[in-house]
Every structure is written in structure tokens, then in C-alpha cells.
Protein backbone atom coordinates (compact mmCIF):
# COMPACT_ATOMS: atom_id res chain seq x y z
CA MET A 1 -14.40 4.17 9.85
CA GLU A 2 -12.54 3.21 12.91
CA TYR A 3 -9.13 3.71 11.01
CA ASP A 4 -10.06 6.82 9.75
CA HIS A 5 -8.29 9.50 11.86
CA ALA A 6 -5.20 7.10 12.28
CA LEU A 7 -5.24 7.13 8.00
CA ARG A 8 -4.92 10.86 7.98
CA ILE A 9 -2.67 11.07 10.74
CA LEU A 10 -0.58 8.99 8.40
CA LEU A 11 -0.62 10.13 5.22
CA ALA A 12 -0.22 14.06 6.89
CA ALA A 13 3.35 12.93 7.83
CA GLU A 14 3.86 11.76 3.71
CA TYR A 15 2.32 14.60 2.29
CA ASN A 16 3.68 17.31 3.80
CA CYS A 17 0.45 18.58 5.00
CA ALA A 18 -2.06 18.81 8.20
CA PRO A 19 -4.52 15.55 8.69
CA GLU A 20 -7.44 17.93 8.05
CA ASP A 21 -6.67 19.11 4.79
CA PHE A 22 -8.16 15.64 3.87
CA GLU A 23 -11.44 16.77 4.44
CA ARG A 24 -11.31 20.23 2.90
CA ALA A 25 -13.23 20.73 -0.83
CA GLU A 26 -10.57 21.84 -2.60
CA ASN A 27 -7.54 20.07 -3.70
CA VAL A 28 -4.05 21.10 -1.82
CA ILE A 29 -0.54 20.63 -3.24
CA THR A 30 2.37 20.51 -1.35
CA GLU A 31 6.12 20.68 -1.42
CA SER A 32 7.00 17.28 -0.93
CA ALA A 33 9.65 16.69 2.38
CA LEU A 34 10.94 13.35 4.83
CA ARG A 35 8.65 14.04 7.92
CA GLU A 36 8.40 11.47 10.66
CA GLY A 37 5.95 9.06 11.06
CA ARG A 38 5.81 8.52 7.10
CA ARG A 39 6.11 5.21 5.50
CA ARG A 40 9.42 4.45 4.64
CA TYR A 41 9.49 4.19 0.91
CA GLY A 42 12.74 6.11 0.26
CA SER A 43 15.07 8.51 1.43
CA THR A 44 14.40 11.30 -0.57
CA PRO A 45 11.60 13.21 -0.38
CA TYR A 46 8.65 12.63 -3.72
CA PHE A 47 9.27 14.10 -6.86
CA PHE A 48 5.35 13.79 -7.52
CA HIS A 49 3.07 11.76 -5.43
CA MET A 50 -1.19 12.59 -5.22
CA VAL A 51 -3.18 10.72 -3.13
CA THR A 52 -7.31 10.82 -2.22
CA LEU A 53 -9.57 9.68 0.55
CA GLY A 54 -12.61 10.23 -1.55
CA LYS A 55 -12.89 13.77 -1.50
CA ASN A 56 -10.06 16.08 -2.34
CA ALA A 57 -7.24 15.36 -3.47
CA VAL A 58 -3.41 16.00 -2.13
CA LEU A 59 -0.53 16.58 -4.13
CA THR A 60 2.96 16.71 -2.68
CA ALA A 61 5.55 17.42 -5.15
CA ASP A 62 9.15 19.34 -6.10
CA ALA A 63 8.81 22.78 -6.38
CA ARG A 64 9.13 23.01 -10.29
CA LEU A 65 6.10 20.94 -10.39
CA HIS A 66 3.93 23.51 -8.70
CA PRO A 67 2.81 25.71 -11.15
CA TYR A 68 1.56 23.02 -13.36
CA LEU A 69 -0.02 21.38 -10.34
CA GLN A 70 -2.03 24.10 -10.03
CA GLU A 71 -3.42 24.59 -13.11
CA PHE A 72 -3.92 20.71 -13.05
CA ALA A 73 -6.05 20.20 -10.02
CA ALA A 74 -7.99 23.52 -9.80
CA ALA A 75 -11.33 23.40 -9.66
CA LYS A 76 -11.68 19.61 -10.09
CA PRO A 77 -12.88 17.11 -7.75
CA GLY A 78 -10.18 15.33 -6.12
CA HIS A 79 -11.11 11.49 -8.27
CA ARG A 80 -11.13 13.01 -11.64
CA LEU A 81 -7.45 13.40 -10.79
CA PHE A 82 -6.97 9.48 -11.03
CA GLU A 83 -8.65 9.51 -14.58
CA VAL A 84 -6.83 7.97 -17.45
CA PRO A 85 -7.02 11.47 -19.66
CA LYS A 86 -5.45 13.59 -16.47
CA LEU A 87 -2.94 10.46 -16.31
CA PHE A 88 -2.04 11.11 -19.66
CA GLN A 89 -1.45 15.11 -19.12
CA LEU A 90 0.88 14.29 -15.74
CA GLU A 91 2.68 12.22 -17.33
CA SER A 92 3.37 14.53 -20.52
CA GLU A 93 4.47 17.01 -17.56
CA LEU A 94 6.92 14.52 -15.48
CA ARG A 95 8.61 13.44 -18.95
CA ARG A 96 9.96 17.16 -19.17
CA PHE A 97 11.71 16.20 -15.81
CA GLY A 98 12.67 12.99 -16.53
CA TYR A 99 9.79 10.88 -14.60
CA THR A 100 7.31 8.55 -15.10
CA LEU A 101 3.63 7.77 -13.52
CA SER A 102 3.81 4.38 -11.43
CA THR A 103 1.32 1.95 -10.95
CA THR A 104 -1.85 3.47 -9.25
CA TYR A 105 -2.00 1.70 -5.92
CA HIS A 106 -5.69 1.01 -4.60
CA MET A 107 -5.43 1.06 -0.53
CA PHE A 108 -7.45 -1.00 1.44
CA LEU A 109 -8.18 -0.75 6.07
CA PRO A 110 -10.00 -3.08 8.37
CA HIS A 111 -13.67 -2.88 8.68
CA ALA A 112 -15.42 -6.36 9.21
CA VAL A 113 -14.49 -8.77 11.44
CA ALA A 114 -13.76 -12.08 9.44
CA GLN A 115 -13.27 -15.25 10.78
CA PRO A 116 -10.37 -17.40 8.91
CA ILE A 117 -12.41 -20.11 7.44
CA GLY A 118 -9.86 -23.46 6.25
CA VAL A 119 -8.28 -26.37 8.03
CA TRP A 120 -5.22 -25.97 6.49
CA ARG A 121 -1.67 -27.06 9.04
CA THR A 122 -0.15 -23.70 9.41
CA ALA A 123 2.92 -22.17 11.18
CA TRP A 124 4.41 -18.57 12.33
CA PHE A 125 7.45 -16.70 11.48
CA PHE A 126 8.84 -13.81 13.50
CA GLY A 127 11.34 -11.40 12.73
CA LYS A 128 14.80 -13.45 11.74
CA GLU A 129 12.64 -16.25 11.59
CA ILE A 130 11.63 -14.91 8.00
CA HIS A 131 15.10 -14.55 6.80
CA PRO A 132 15.48 -17.88 5.18
CA PHE A 133 12.72 -17.43 3.21
CA TYR A 134 14.39 -14.84 1.08
CA ALA A 135 16.19 -17.22 -0.94
CA GLY A 136 14.41 -17.91 -4.37
CA ARG A 137 12.12 -14.86 -4.11
CA ARG A 138 9.60 -17.31 -4.37
CA PHE A 139 6.83 -14.81 -1.92
CA PRO A 140 7.82 -12.08 -4.19
CA ASN A 141 4.31 -10.35 -2.56
CA ALA A 142 4.29 -11.24 0.89
CA LEU A 143 8.14 -10.51 1.63
CA ALA A 144 10.33 -8.17 0.36
CA SER A 145 13.49 -9.15 -1.46
CA SER A 146 15.88 -8.97 1.06
CA TYR A 147 15.61 -7.89 4.91
CA THR A 148 15.17 -4.12 4.79
CA ALA A 149 15.47 -2.19 7.98
CA GLU A 150 13.39 0.99 6.94
CA ARG A 151 10.73 -1.06 6.62
CA PRO A 152 11.20 -4.99 8.08
CA ASP A 153 9.31 -8.00 7.20
CA THR A 154 7.76 -8.86 10.86
CA ILE A 155 5.74 -11.83 10.59
CA ALA A 156 4.71 -14.24 7.97
CA VAL A 157 2.26 -16.80 8.83
CA CYS A 158 2.46 -19.96 6.09
CA ALA A 159 -0.11 -23.07 4.58
CA TYR A 160 1.02 -26.43 4.15
CA GLN A 161 -0.01 -30.03 2.62
CA GLY A 162 2.60 -32.27 4.22
CA ASP A 163 6.04 -30.29 3.90
CA THR A 164 4.95 -28.18 1.20
CA ILE A 165 4.31 -24.42 1.55
CA MET A 166 1.22 -23.94 -0.22
CA GLY A 167 1.10 -20.20 0.39
CA MET A 168 2.30 -17.34 2.49
CA ALA A 169 1.32 -13.88 3.62
CA GLY A 170 3.54 -11.67 5.22
CA CYS A 171 3.51 -8.16 6.76
CA SER A 172 6.00 -5.57 6.72
CA GLU A 173 6.21 -2.46 9.36
CA ASP A 174 6.38 0.20 6.88
CA ALA A 175 5.74 3.31 8.95
CA PRO A 176 5.76 2.54 13.51
CA HIS A 177 2.59 0.23 14.15
CA TRP A 178 1.24 0.12 10.17
CA GLN A 179 2.06 -2.93 8.99
CA GLN A 180 1.31 -3.86 5.69
CA ILE A 181 0.55 -7.29 4.17
CA GLY A 182 0.61 -9.20 1.43
CA GLY A 183 0.13 -12.79 0.11
CA ASP A 184 1.39 -14.90 -2.76
CA VAL A 185 -0.44 -19.08 -2.96
CA MET A 186 1.36 -21.36 -5.40
CA PRO A 187 -0.11 -21.54 -8.75
CA GLU A 188 -1.62 -25.59 -7.90
CA TYR A 189 -2.73 -24.54 -4.94
CA ARG A 190 -4.99 -21.30 -5.86
CA ALA A 191 -8.91 -21.13 -6.24
CA GLN A 192 -9.07 -23.06 -3.01
CA GLY A 193 -9.24 -19.69 -0.26
CA ILE A 194 -5.81 -20.45 1.07
CA GLY A 195 -5.12 -16.60 0.43
CA THR A 196 -8.18 -15.30 2.04
CA TYR A 197 -7.57 -17.90 4.86
CA LEU A 198 -3.99 -16.82 5.27
CA VAL A 199 -4.57 -12.85 5.13
CA THR A 200 -7.39 -13.11 7.42
CA LEU A 201 -5.03 -14.74 10.16
CA LEU A 202 -2.84 -12.38 9.68
CA LYS A 203 -4.93 -9.33 9.63
CA ASN A 204 -6.25 -10.57 12.84
CA ARG A 205 -2.65 -11.46 14.75
CA ILE A 206 -2.13 -7.77 13.93
CA LEU A 207 -5.00 -6.13 15.07
CA GLN A 208 -4.28 -8.46 18.66
CA GLN A 209 -1.31 -7.21 19.22
CA GLY A 210 -2.23 -3.28 18.81
CA ASP A 211 -1.11 -2.35 15.09
CA ILE A 212 -2.96 -1.37 11.87
CA PRO A 213 -3.21 -4.12 9.16
CA PHE A 214 -3.61 -2.50 5.43
CA TYR A 215 -3.52 -4.05 2.19
CA GLY A 216 -2.72 -2.69 -1.52
CA THR A 217 -3.50 -3.77 -4.44
CA SER A 218 -3.36 -2.64 -8.58
CA LEU A 219 -6.76 -1.51 -10.44
CA SER A 220 -7.05 -5.06 -12.61
CA ASN A 221 -5.68 -7.67 -9.84
CA TYR A 222 -9.69 -8.75 -9.11
CA ASP A 223 -8.08 -11.77 -7.28
CA SER A 224 -6.20 -9.60 -4.61
CA TRP A 225 -8.95 -7.44 -4.24
CA ASN A 226 -11.38 -10.09 -3.28
CA VAL A 227 -8.99 -11.61 -0.80
CA ALA A 228 -8.90 -7.83 1.06
CA LEU A 229 -12.19 -8.35 0.52
CA ASN A 230 -13.08 -11.47 1.72
CA ALA A 231 -10.75 -11.38 4.59
CA GLY A 232 -12.75 -8.19 6.29
CA PHE A 233 -10.97 -5.20 4.18
CA ARG A 234 -12.08 -2.34 2.60
CA PRO A 235 -11.44 0.38 0.27
CA ALA A 236 -9.69 3.19 1.75
CA TRP A 237 -7.42 5.59 -0.59
CA VAL A 238 -5.81 5.64 -3.63
CA GLU A 239 -2.56 7.21 -4.75
CA ILE A 240 -0.23 7.00 -7.37
CA GLY A 241 3.94 8.57 -7.41
CA ALA A 242 6.41 9.41 -9.84
CA ASN A 243 9.18 6.94 -10.57
CA ARG A 244 12.62 8.08 -12.55
CA VAL A 245 12.64 7.34 -15.95
CA MET A 246 15.66 4.58 -16.62
CA GLU A 247 18.36 5.63 -18.86
CA PRO A 248 18.37 2.89 -21.59
């Protein structure tokens, strides 16, 4: 796959390991750290995060978790660590430290050339032109809730019926030259191919400017999976993390 090497470099920065660690037979455990080149999802090191590219798993975590993780991950295929019985075990350990597991993120990279199929009128927005769309939070998947300097929304494309926005695809630069795509289609315009059309347009634009588009969704969101597949993406990696439990 064309972007495999770049992906390993990106995730090595995030998981505090070497790119070749994702090719090992055995699982790898590292102490979490903030390294240059990572996706910018926070200002503190992960308490726990785990990823697989389909072979082993790499786990980065606070040192207090390492004794448990050594046993948890020992002599097991990486993908088996993401199965529900293992996640139940992991959740119990994380709770001891005041954390809970996050959503499992299923991530996609470009794989095939896809041409947008549709006849909708579109408009493009860049940088600060995007900011008026934050009002009302109509596009929670396409855009952040507000401007974020660490991973700014960089491009948005909308499809219109007259003056009405039917849907939007947007991307944020989560790491240098890595643009994550999300999309929203208004309920009354769904099931017409608008989401796939906009995501394909945006993916192609990102590739033309020399950046790498990527896409993520949850395990059970098959509408989103189909948008990704039809837009020329393919599954590339799976990851899960931990969030601090909110006090009541």
C-alpha cells in the first residue's frame, strides 16, 4: 500500500517506538511520550493507547501500567487484544487508575483512484473562510466545534440545493501534512450519494496538494464505512485509547 511507510513513521512518533516495530511478530510496549510529528490530540502523554496495523500490536502507556500490560499482551496475536473479552479485562485495570477505554477507531488510507459521481453544485472554503460554519455546530463530523490551532480545519467543501447546504466534507491537519476527513449530510438529503461525492472530492484535492488524507469511523457505523470504501479508501489500522473518568 502506497502510504504504509508514511503511516508507520506517523504512528512511531505517536506510540514512541520505531517504524519497524509495527512489523515485529511480538507485541511492543513503550512508555508514552510527546514526540514531534505525532497527531496533535492533546498536550499530555497518553495514559494508554494501543494500535494494530494487522500484525502485532503496539501499546504505549504510563509506566504504572507496564507490569499489567506485559502479561496482557504476552504471546497473543495483536488483533486478539482488540476483542471484547480482552477489552473487558483491560477496562477493569484502567478503572483502578481512574480511566476508561475510549471508542475503537477504525482508520482508512487512500487505496484506489475514485472519481466523484454526482451533479451537485459545490463550493470550497479554506482556512478562515471555514470559521463561520462553527456557529450552531451543524457539521460535527466535518468540522471541529471551534478553531483549534493545534489541528486546524483546513478545507471544507459543501454541496448545495439552491442556497441550502445538503452536506459538507471537511478536513483537519492532525499532524504535519496528514489531513483527517469527516463529513455530514443533512437528514433529508441522505442515501443519495452526497457524502461519498464530497469525501471523494476532498480526498482528491488533498492528494493534489501533496498531503495524505485519512478517514476514521467506529466499528458499527457501516454508513460511514461505505462512504470511505466508495471514495477509494481501505482499512489501514485500528486503535483504542483511554479517557479519564469524569467525576459525578
